[in-house]
Protein backbone atom coordinates (compact mmCIF):
# COMPACT_ATOMS: atom_id res chain seq x y z
CA MET A 1 0.00 0.00 0.00
CA LEU A 2 2.75 2.44 0.96
CA ALA A 3 4.85 1.61 -2.12
CA ILE A 4 1.87 2.18 -4.44
CA LEU A 5 1.14 5.54 -2.78
CA VAL A 6 4.72 6.76 -3.16
CA VAL A 7 5.27 5.50 -6.73
CA ALA A 8 1.91 6.79 -7.98
CA PHE A 9 2.39 10.19 -6.38
CA ILE A 10 5.90 10.65 -7.79
CA PHE A 11 4.75 9.61 -11.27
CA LEU A 12 1.73 11.94 -11.27
CA ALA A 13 3.78 14.85 -9.91
CA LEU A 14 6.47 14.35 -12.57
CA ILE A 15 3.95 14.51 -15.41
CA GLY A 16 2.76 17.89 -14.11
CA MET A 17 -0.45 16.99 -12.28
CA PRO A 18 -1.38 19.43 -9.48
CA ILE A 19 -0.19 18.24 -6.06
CA ALA A 20 -3.68 18.03 -4.54
CA ILE A 21 -5.08 15.89 -7.37
CA ALA A 22 -1.94 13.72 -7.45
CA LEU A 23 -2.26 13.02 -3.72
CA GLY A 24 -5.95 12.18 -4.03
CA ILE A 25 -5.50 9.78 -6.95
CA SER A 26 -2.43 8.07 -5.47
CA SER A 27 -4.23 7.60 -2.13
CA THR A 28 -7.21 6.00 -3.85
CA LEU A 29 -4.96 3.69 -5.88
CA ALA A 30 -3.11 2.66 -2.72
CA LEU A 31 -6.38 1.74 -1.01
CA VAL A 32 -7.55 -0.31 -4.01
CA PHE A 33 -4.66 -2.70 -3.35
CA SER A 34 -5.12 -2.76 0.42
CA PRO A 35 -7.50 -4.38 2.94
CA TYR A 36 -9.29 -1.04 3.28
CA PRO A 37 -12.15 0.05 0.97
CA PRO A 38 -11.26 2.80 -1.56
CA VAL A 39 -14.10 4.93 -0.16
CA ALA A 40 -11.87 5.40 2.90
CA ALA A 41 -9.87 7.91 0.84
CA VAL A 42 -12.96 10.10 0.44
CA GLN A 43 -13.83 9.74 4.12
CA LYS A 44 -10.34 10.79 5.21
CA MET A 45 -10.37 13.73 2.79
CA LEU A 46 -13.53 14.98 4.51
CA THR A 47 -12.57 14.25 8.11
CA GLY A 48 -9.04 15.57 7.59
CA ILE A 49 -10.33 19.14 7.26
CA ASP A 50 -13.13 18.77 9.81
CA SER A 51 -11.10 20.59 12.43
CA TYR A 52 -12.02 23.48 14.71
CA THR A 53 -8.41 24.68 14.66
CA LEU A 54 -8.37 24.91 10.86
CA LEU A 55 -11.29 27.35 10.94
CA ALA A 56 -8.68 29.98 11.75
CA ILE A 57 -7.23 29.77 8.22
CA PRO A 58 -10.01 31.59 6.30
CA LEU A 59 -10.36 34.05 9.18
CA PHE A 60 -6.68 35.07 9.09
CA VAL A 61 -6.84 35.27 5.29
CA LEU A 62 -9.83 37.61 5.55
CA ALA A 63 -8.07 39.69 8.22
CA GLY A 64 -5.16 40.17 5.84
CA GLN A 65 -7.54 41.26 3.09
CA LEU A 66 -9.21 43.80 5.37
CA MET A 67 -5.88 45.28 6.41
CA ASN A 68 -4.70 45.58 2.82
CA VAL A 69 -7.86 47.32 1.61
CA GLY A 70 -8.40 49.39 4.76
CA GLY A 71 -5.10 51.27 4.69
CA VAL A 72 -3.53 49.38 7.62
CA THR A 73 -0.63 48.02 5.55
CA ARG A 74 0.24 51.46 4.16
CA ARG A 75 0.39 52.96 7.64
CA ILE A 76 2.57 50.10 8.86
CA PHE A 77 5.03 50.76 6.03
CA ASN A 78 5.04 54.50 6.72
CA PHE A 79 5.83 53.83 10.38
CA ALA A 80 8.62 51.39 9.45
CA GLN A 81 10.05 53.95 7.02
CA ALA A 82 10.07 56.60 9.73
CA LEU A 83 11.95 54.22 12.07
CA VAL A 84 14.72 52.94 9.77
CA GLY A 85 14.54 54.99 6.58
CA HIS A 86 17.68 56.96 7.52
CA ILE A 87 19.88 53.82 7.29
CA PRO A 88 21.63 53.20 3.92
CA GLY A 89 19.10 51.28 1.84
CA GLY A 90 16.43 52.74 4.10
CA LEU A 91 13.32 51.70 2.18
CA ALA A 92 14.58 48.13 1.92
CA HIS A 93 15.03 48.10 5.71
CA ALA A 94 11.54 49.57 6.06
CA ASN A 95 10.28 46.75 3.85
CA ILE A 96 11.64 44.16 6.31
CA VAL A 97 10.52 46.00 9.46
CA ALA A 98 7.01 46.41 8.03
CA SER A 99 6.88 42.67 7.33
CA ILE A 100 7.86 41.97 10.94
CA ILE A 101 5.03 44.19 12.19
CA PHE A 102 2.49 42.83 9.68
CA ALA A 103 3.52 39.28 10.64
CA GLY A 104 1.90 39.90 14.00
CA MET A 105 -1.46 40.44 12.30
CA SER A 106 -1.94 38.22 9.25
CA GLY A 107 -0.02 34.96 9.80
CA SER A 108 0.34 34.54 6.04
CA ALA A 109 3.30 35.07 3.71
CA VAL A 110 0.97 35.37 0.71
CA ALA A 111 -0.98 38.19 2.40
CA ASP A 112 2.31 39.97 3.06
CA SER A 113 3.55 39.56 -0.53
CA ALA A 114 0.27 40.48 -2.21
CA GLY A 115 -0.83 43.36 0.02
CA LEU A 116 2.04 44.98 1.89
CA GLY A 117 4.44 43.97 -0.89
CA LEU A 118 2.69 46.18 -3.45
CA VAL A 119 3.00 49.23 -1.19
CA GLU A 120 6.65 48.45 -0.44
CA MET A 121 7.67 47.90 -4.05
CA GLU A 122 6.00 51.07 -5.32
CA ALA A 123 7.84 53.12 -2.70
CA MET A 124 11.22 51.49 -3.42
CA THR A 125 11.10 51.71 -7.21
CA SER A 126 9.92 55.34 -7.11
CA HIS A 127 13.02 56.17 -5.05
CA GLY A 128 15.51 54.66 -7.46
CA TYR A 129 15.76 51.05 -6.27
CA ASP A 130 16.13 48.36 -8.92
CA GLU A 131 12.79 46.62 -9.50
CA ARG A 132 14.26 43.13 -9.20
CA PHE A 133 15.98 43.99 -5.90
CA SER A 134 12.76 45.54 -4.59
CA ALA A 135 10.86 42.36 -5.45
CA ALA A 136 13.59 40.19 -3.91
CA VAL A 137 13.49 42.07 -0.58
CA THR A 138 9.70 41.88 -0.59
CA ALA A 139 9.72 38.13 -1.28
CA ALA A 140 12.37 37.42 1.35
CA SER A 141 10.74 39.54 4.06
CA SER A 142 7.34 37.93 3.47
CA VAL A 143 8.57 34.60 4.87
CA ILE A 144 8.63 36.18 8.34
CA GLY A 145 4.81 36.33 8.25
CA PRO A 146 4.10 32.76 9.43
CA ILE A 147 6.97 32.73 11.96
CA ILE A 148 6.04 35.66 14.21
CA PRO A 149 2.60 34.92 15.72
CA PRO A 150 -0.09 34.43 14.63
CA SER A 151 0.76 31.73 12.09
CA ILE A 152 -1.46 29.67 9.81
CA PRO A 153 1.19 26.92 9.23
CA MET A 154 1.77 26.63 12.99
CA LEU A 155 -1.96 26.11 13.52
CA LEU A 156 -1.80 23.23 11.06
CA TYR A 157 1.28 21.69 12.72
CA ALA A 158 -0.28 22.02 16.18
CA SER A 159 -3.45 20.24 15.07
CA ILE A 160 -1.44 17.26 13.77
CA ALA A 161 1.31 17.02 16.40
CA GLU A 162 -1.15 17.79 19.21
CA VAL A 163 1.03 20.44 20.82
CA SER A 164 0.15 23.81 22.33
CA VAL A 165 -0.66 26.47 19.76
CA GLY A 166 0.28 29.13 22.29
CA LYS A 167 3.75 27.67 22.83
CA LEU A 168 4.32 27.39 19.09
CA PHE A 169 3.29 30.99 18.57
CA LEU A 170 5.57 32.22 21.36
CA GLY A 171 8.41 30.03 20.08
CA GLY A 172 8.34 31.85 16.75
CA ILE A 173 9.01 35.35 18.16
CA ILE A 174 12.81 35.16 18.56
CA PRO A 175 13.43 33.22 15.29
CA GLY A 176 11.24 35.71 13.40
CA LEU A 177 13.18 38.66 14.76
CA MET A 178 16.46 36.89 13.97
CA MET A 179 15.35 36.39 10.38
CA GLY A 180 14.50 40.07 10.04
CA ILE A 181 17.75 41.34 11.60
CA SER A 182 19.92 38.99 9.53
CA MET A 183 18.24 40.12 6.31
CA MET A 184 18.68 43.78 7.29
CA LEU A 185 22.42 43.17 7.71
CA LEU A 186 22.54 41.76 4.18
CA VAL A 187 20.54 44.71 2.83
CA TYR A 188 22.96 47.13 4.52
CA VAL A 189 25.93 45.52 2.76
CA ILE A 190 24.15 45.48 -0.63
CA ALA A 191 23.00 49.10 -0.20
CA LEU A 192 26.54 50.30 0.45
CA LYS A 193 27.87 48.32 -2.51
CA ARG A 194 25.21 49.57 -4.96
CA GLY A 195 24.85 53.07 -3.55
CA TYR A 196 21.16 52.82 -2.70
CA PRO A 197 19.77 56.01 -1.10
CA LYS A 198 18.76 56.66 2.47
CA GLU A 199 15.89 58.83 3.61
CA GLU A 200 16.13 61.96 5.69
CA ARG A 201 15.92 61.22 9.40
CA VAL A 202 12.41 61.84 10.71
CA ARG A 203 12.15 64.34 13.56
CA LEU A 204 10.90 63.08 16.89
CA ARG A 205 7.64 65.04 16.76
CA GLN A 206 6.84 63.68 13.28
CA LEU A 207 7.77 60.15 14.36
CA LEU A 208 5.40 60.46 17.33
CA SER A 209 2.61 61.63 15.02
CA ILE A 210 3.14 58.67 12.67
CA PHE A 211 3.27 56.30 15.65
CA LEU A 212 -0.02 57.57 17.04
CA ASP A 213 -1.66 57.13 13.62
CA THR A 214 -0.33 53.56 13.39
CA MET A 215 -0.84 52.61 17.05
CA PRO A 216 -4.33 51.07 16.60
CA ALA A 217 -2.84 48.66 14.05
CA LEU A 218 0.16 47.92 16.28
CA LEU A 219 -2.20 46.84 19.07
CA SER A 220 -3.46 43.91 16.99
CA PRO A 221 -0.70 41.38 17.86
CA ILE A 222 -0.89 42.40 21.53
CA ILE A 223 -4.62 41.69 21.56
CA ILE A 224 -4.17 38.35 19.76
CA ILE A 225 -1.33 36.95 21.87
CA GLY A 226 -2.52 38.53 25.11
CA GLY A 227 -6.00 37.12 24.70
CA MET A 228 -4.68 33.62 24.02
CA LEU A 229 -2.21 33.62 26.92
CA THR A 230 -4.79 34.90 29.41
CA GLY A 231 -7.31 32.32 28.26
CA VAL A 232 -9.83 34.87 27.03
CA PHE A 233 -10.05 33.10 23.66
CA THR A 234 -8.55 30.16 21.75
CA ALA A 235 -6.34 30.40 18.65
CA THR A 236 -9.35 29.99 16.38
CA GLU A 237 -11.34 32.58 18.32
CA ALA A 238 -8.28 34.85 18.12
CA ALA A 239 -8.57 34.72 14.34
CA ALA A 240 -12.21 35.83 14.58
CA VAL A 241 -11.22 38.64 16.95
CA THR A 242 -8.54 39.71 14.45
CA VAL A 243 -11.13 39.91 11.67
CA GLY A 244 -13.44 41.99 13.84
CA TYR A 245 -10.63 44.30 14.91
CA ALA A 246 -9.34 44.68 11.34
CA PHE A 247 -12.86 45.55 10.17
CA VAL A 248 -13.28 48.21 12.88
CA LEU A 249 -9.88 49.70 12.04
CA SER A 250 -10.50 49.75 8.29
CA ALA A 251 -14.13 50.91 8.33
CA PHE A 252 -14.39 53.20 11.36
CA VAL A 253 -10.91 54.27 12.51
CA TYR A 254 -9.14 54.80 9.17
CA ARG A 255 -12.41 54.95 7.16
CA GLU A 256 -10.88 53.52 3.97
CA LEU A 257 -12.95 50.34 3.69
CA LYS A 258 -16.01 50.78 1.47
CA MET A 259 -19.04 48.53 1.22
CA LYS A 260 -18.25 47.86 -2.44
CA ASP A 261 -14.89 46.35 -1.40
CA ILE A 262 -16.42 43.63 0.80
CA PRO A 263 -17.78 41.23 -1.89
CA GLY A 264 -14.41 41.14 -3.66
CA MET A 265 -12.56 40.48 -0.40
CA LEU A 266 -14.92 37.65 0.50
CA LEU A 267 -14.51 36.05 -2.92
CA ASP A 268 -10.71 36.30 -2.67
CA THR A 269 -10.84 34.75 0.79
CA ILE A 270 -13.04 31.90 -0.42
CA SER A 271 -10.76 31.28 -3.40
CA SER A 272 -7.57 31.27 -1.30
CA THR A 273 -9.11 29.06 1.37
CA ALA A 274 -10.49 26.60 -1.19
CA VAL A 275 -7.05 26.07 -2.73
CA VAL A 276 -5.40 25.50 0.65
CA THR A 277 -8.22 23.27 1.90
CA PHE A 278 -8.17 21.12 -1.24
CA ILE A 279 -4.47 20.46 -0.73
CA LEU A 280 -4.93 19.73 2.98
CA SER A 281 -7.86 17.43 2.26
CA SER A 282 -5.95 15.31 -0.25
CA ALA A 283 -2.86 15.27 1.96
CA SER A 284 -4.98 14.05 4.89
CA ALA A 285 -5.91 10.87 3.01
CA ALA A 286 -2.28 10.21 2.13
CA GLY A 287 -1.22 10.97 5.70
CA TRP A 288 -3.71 8.43 7.05
CA ILE A 289 -2.24 5.77 4.77
CA LEU A 290 1.25 6.60 6.02
CA VAL A 291 0.10 6.18 9.61
CA ARG A 292 -1.72 2.90 8.92
CA SER A 293 1.36 1.60 7.13
CA ARG A 294 3.46 2.36 10.24
CA ALA A 295 5.75 4.42 8.05
CA GLY A 296 6.73 6.58 11.02
CA GLN A 297 7.93 3.72 13.19
CA THR A 298 9.68 2.10 10.22
CA MET A 299 11.50 5.34 9.49
CA ALA A 300 12.40 5.79 13.16
CA ASP A 301 13.84 2.27 13.36
CA PHE A 302 15.84 2.80 10.17
CA VAL A 303 17.31 6.16 11.19
CA LEU A 304 18.11 4.98 14.72
CA SER A 305 19.92 1.98 13.28
CA LEU A 306 22.24 4.44 11.51
CA THR A 307 22.67 7.05 14.24
CA THR A 308 21.21 8.00 17.59
CA ASN A 309 22.83 11.44 17.57
CA PRO A 310 19.98 14.00 17.61
CA TYR A 311 22.22 16.67 16.04
CA VAL A 312 22.90 14.47 13.01
CA VAL A 313 19.23 13.55 12.71
CA LEU A 314 18.16 17.20 12.87
CA LEU A 315 20.64 18.05 10.12
CA LEU A 316 19.29 15.24 7.91
CA LEU A 317 15.69 16.33 8.56
CA ASN A 318 16.54 19.94 7.71
CA VAL A 319 18.06 18.88 4.40
CA LEU A 320 15.02 16.72 3.63
CA LEU A 321 12.56 19.50 4.46
CA LEU A 322 14.52 22.09 2.47
CA LEU A 323 14.35 19.82 -0.58
CA LEU A 324 10.63 19.12 -0.10
CA GLY A 325 9.95 22.83 0.40
CA CYS A 326 11.38 23.52 -3.04
CA VAL A 327 8.89 21.26 -4.83
CA MET A 328 5.75 20.92 -2.67
CA GLU A 329 3.15 23.08 -0.94
CA LEU A 330 3.81 23.74 2.75
CA GLY A 331 0.51 22.37 4.06
CA ALA A 332 0.88 19.09 2.19
CA ILE A 333 4.41 18.64 3.54
CA VAL A 334 3.28 19.20 7.12
CA ILE A 335 0.40 16.72 6.87
CA LEU A 336 2.50 14.06 5.13
CA THR A 337 5.67 14.28 7.18
CA VAL A 338 4.67 15.16 10.76
CA PRO A 339 2.87 11.85 11.51
CA VAL A 340 5.90 10.00 10.11
CA LEU A 341 8.46 12.04 12.03
CA ILE A 342 6.80 12.10 15.46
CA PRO A 343 7.96 8.57 16.52
CA LEU A 344 11.54 9.44 15.55
CA LEU A 345 11.48 12.77 17.38
CA GLN A 346 10.01 11.21 20.50
CA ASN A 347 12.60 8.42 20.53
CA LEU A 348 15.38 11.02 20.38
CA GLY A 349 13.78 13.26 23.01
CA ILE A 350 13.42 16.23 20.63
CA ASP A 351 10.78 18.69 21.83
CA LEU A 352 7.87 18.80 19.37
CA VAL A 353 7.34 22.53 19.90
CA HIS A 354 11.00 23.26 19.14
CA PHE A 355 10.91 21.07 16.05
CA GLY A 356 7.63 22.62 14.93
CA VAL A 357 9.16 26.10 14.80
CA VAL A 358 12.30 24.73 13.09
CA MET A 359 10.12 22.96 10.53
CA ILE A 360 8.01 26.03 9.68
CA VAL A 361 11.11 28.25 9.33
CA ASN A 362 12.64 25.59 7.08
CA LEU A 363 9.58 25.29 4.87
CA MET A 364 9.14 29.07 4.64
CA ILE A 365 12.60 29.25 3.05
CA GLY A 366 11.06 27.10 0.32
CA PHE A 367 8.59 29.97 -0.24
CA ILE A 368 11.36 31.89 -2.02
CA THR A 369 13.25 28.92 -3.45
CA PRO A 370 12.77 27.74 -7.05
CA PRO A 371 11.16 25.94 -8.76
CA PHE A 372 7.89 26.34 -6.81
CA GLY A 373 8.53 29.25 -4.45
CA MET A 374 5.02 30.65 -3.96
CA SER A 375 6.17 34.16 -3.07
CA LEU A 376 8.16 34.35 -6.31
CA PHE A 377 5.05 33.58 -8.35
CA VAL A 378 2.91 36.08 -6.40
CA LEU A 379 5.41 38.88 -7.00
CA SER A 380 5.90 37.83 -10.61
CA GLY A 381 2.17 38.36 -11.11
CA ILE A 382 2.27 41.75 -9.38
CA THR A 383 5.36 43.12 -11.14
CA GLY A 384 5.26 41.37 -14.51
CA LEU A 385 8.87 40.23 -13.99
CA LYS A 386 9.77 36.69 -14.94
CA VAL A 387 10.26 34.26 -12.07
CA GLU A 388 13.76 33.41 -13.30
CA ASP A 389 14.65 37.13 -13.14
CA LEU A 390 13.49 37.31 -9.53
CA VAL A 391 15.46 34.24 -8.49
CA LYS A 392 18.89 35.78 -9.08
CA ASP A 393 18.27 38.68 -6.67
CA THR A 394 16.37 36.55 -4.15
CA MET A 395 18.99 33.81 -3.70
CA PRO A 396 21.40 35.89 -1.53
CA PHE A 397 18.64 36.22 1.09
CA ILE A 398 18.56 32.47 1.52
CA ILE A 399 22.01 32.65 3.19
CA PRO A 400 20.94 34.62 6.31
CA LEU A 401 17.74 32.58 6.50
CA VAL A 402 19.63 29.27 6.47
CA ILE A 403 22.06 30.59 9.09
CA THR A 404 19.07 31.48 11.28
CA LEU A 405 17.62 28.02 10.68
CA LEU A 406 20.83 26.31 11.83
CA LEU A 407 21.06 28.51 14.93
CA ILE A 408 17.53 27.75 16.12
CA THR A 409 18.01 24.07 15.26
CA TYR A 410 21.07 23.61 17.45
CA ILE A 411 20.31 26.20 20.15
CA PRO A 412 16.79 25.16 21.25
CA SER A 413 16.64 27.93 23.87
CA LEU A 414 16.28 30.46 21.03
CA VAL A 415 12.89 28.88 20.38
CA MET A 416 11.90 27.65 23.82
CA ALA A 417 13.00 30.55 26.06
CA ILE A 418 9.79 32.59 25.75
CA PRO A 419 7.34 29.61 25.82
CA ASN A 420 9.06 28.17 28.91
CA TRP A 421 8.99 31.56 30.61
CA VAL A 422 5.40 32.49 29.77
CA MET A 423 3.82 29.01 29.76
CA PRO A 424 5.99 26.83 32.06
């Protein structure tokens, strides 16, 4: 059964079939030649997405849409520009800082690329930055979105690994900041080399004025994380609160959301959610087959027969996930690999919260890695640039991201310090 699943999936993927359809067909074929009825594939596709936790996905997508249309993203970028615009390559630094702030609201790299990215790129290109470099910075900074809480991929991982969503969210704070700082160091070097401009330093009174205008938006992550940690609401309810707060900001505080904008936002949310859910549904059937085939225990036994050194195993898993992230959708990877990896991680005493953050950071690097880096395709559609043109300027940003990945992999306290302090 397992061999049929793997062979069929690889064959269908190689001939260009969409991942979701390939997973569904290969799962059904595997069940045809198993003791289980083929209808089990359909049942698992339905039950795999019947999850209260996963309800947060469309809500966070909608929250991102509201912030983009309601002027929240533009104000965040203006505030970031006022903070760091005076550094060489100032608007590129503002791009990254804005992504860090927006990460605490949307939980989605696509929302960052499609909404905030448009504002960032227009500002950079109008000030003399090369369009490809502007797109590369925007693509690279967008991967911070699902690392700093809230995070849609972390919600998915938590639902499968059965770990605390709150701890996962808190564990992503330091790695997310490390990613941003490391990319800003790279931007600084590139800006000096290419002679990119810096903005005039903003006076304190003007900075205070911009801060006060942006402050309602900056309160969003505090409300989300604070509410979860105090037990006021769950992660899914936090997503609903975020939507409500984003609507109030956009419609009544900043007054930029119009009634005519709402149908389009809802349709975009439905479309985005349907694509993600279809992939998750098909991957759930394949994941069930992997569990029933005891693939996880078999893999654990095989790896442990080669080495019991957790550092070596973590390195091998990082390489595997980096390769998978280049060719598959993040959600499908999480559903397919987490059930298989849990026995191995537990045998080696690796904390599932620590590994969850490491895994999401790893897979987000795949978001800007060819051939299937989602952020590259989003920005290609926005700018009209070819994906292959974007790749050349994006690749240098993979270096600081991989360095960050290795640091959080081998220094678990970088991930676990805040969760252990706040939620002992």
